[in-house]
Protein backbone atom coordinates (compact mmCIF):
# COMPACT_ATOMS: atom_id res chain seq x y z
CA MET A 1 42.16 32.41 13.12
CA THR A 2 40.28 35.36 11.73
CA SER A 3 36.68 36.07 12.57
CA ILE A 4 35.73 35.40 8.92
CA SER A 5 37.21 31.91 9.02
CA ARG A 6 35.47 31.24 12.35
CA PHE A 7 32.16 32.23 10.77
CA ASP A 8 32.95 29.96 7.81
CA ASP A 9 33.66 27.08 10.20
CA VAL A 10 30.39 27.64 12.05
CA ASN A 11 28.51 27.94 8.76
CA GLU A 12 30.03 24.69 7.50
CA ARG A 13 29.12 22.84 10.70
CA PHE A 14 25.59 24.24 10.50
CA ASN A 15 25.24 23.08 6.90
CA ASP A 16 26.56 19.62 7.80
CA GLY A 17 23.99 19.40 10.58
CA ASN A 18 21.23 20.44 8.18
CA GLU A 19 22.25 17.74 5.71
CA ARG A 20 22.18 15.10 8.43
CA LEU A 21 18.76 16.29 9.60
CA ASN A 22 17.44 16.18 6.03
CA ASP A 23 18.77 12.64 5.60
CA LEU A 24 17.18 11.58 8.88
CA ARG A 25 13.86 13.21 7.89
CA ASP A 26 13.88 11.36 4.58
CA SER A 27 14.65 8.04 6.29
CA LEU A 28 11.87 8.56 8.82
CA ARG A 29 9.36 9.45 6.11
CA ALA A 30 10.23 6.29 4.20
CA GLU A 31 9.87 4.16 7.34
CA ILE A 32 6.55 5.79 8.26
CA GLY A 33 5.25 5.18 4.74
CA LYS A 34 6.24 1.52 4.94
CA ASN A 35 4.61 1.10 8.34
CA HIS A 36 1.47 2.89 7.14
CA SER A 37 1.12 0.47 4.24
CA GLU A 38 1.62 -2.53 6.52
CA MET A 39 -0.99 -1.24 8.97
CA LEU A 40 -3.53 -0.71 6.19
CA GLY A 41 -2.98 -4.29 5.09
CA LYS A 42 -3.51 -5.57 8.63
CA PHE A 43 -6.70 -3.51 9.02
CA ALA A 44 -8.04 -4.92 5.76
CA GLU A 45 -7.22 -8.43 6.98
CA MET A 46 -8.96 -7.82 10.31
CA ASP A 47 -11.99 -6.35 8.53
CA GLY A 48 -12.25 -9.48 6.40
CA ARG A 49 -12.05 -11.70 9.45
CA LEU A 50 -14.69 -9.69 11.29
CA THR A 51 -16.98 -9.78 8.26
CA ARG A 52 -16.68 -13.58 8.09
CA ILE A 53 -17.39 -13.93 11.85
CA GLU A 54 -20.42 -11.65 11.59
CA SER A 55 -21.70 -13.60 8.61
CA HIS A 56 -21.12 -16.94 10.35
CA LEU A 57 -23.02 -15.73 13.44
CA ASN A 58 -25.74 -14.09 11.32
CA LEU A 59 -25.04 -10.72 12.91
CA LYS A 60 -25.39 -8.75 9.70
């Protein structure tokens, strides 16, 4: 095996690793976005509940 082909092998493995990391990053970003949206929905729901409780107890 020549040193050029060894460098090519290392370069190919490095590029494969980069592709896998990019795929993982994209998957994580999508999951974080989904979770963020769900959390915002839950906060809005909790805010509505708290507003109704405060109104019922004449706290506001």
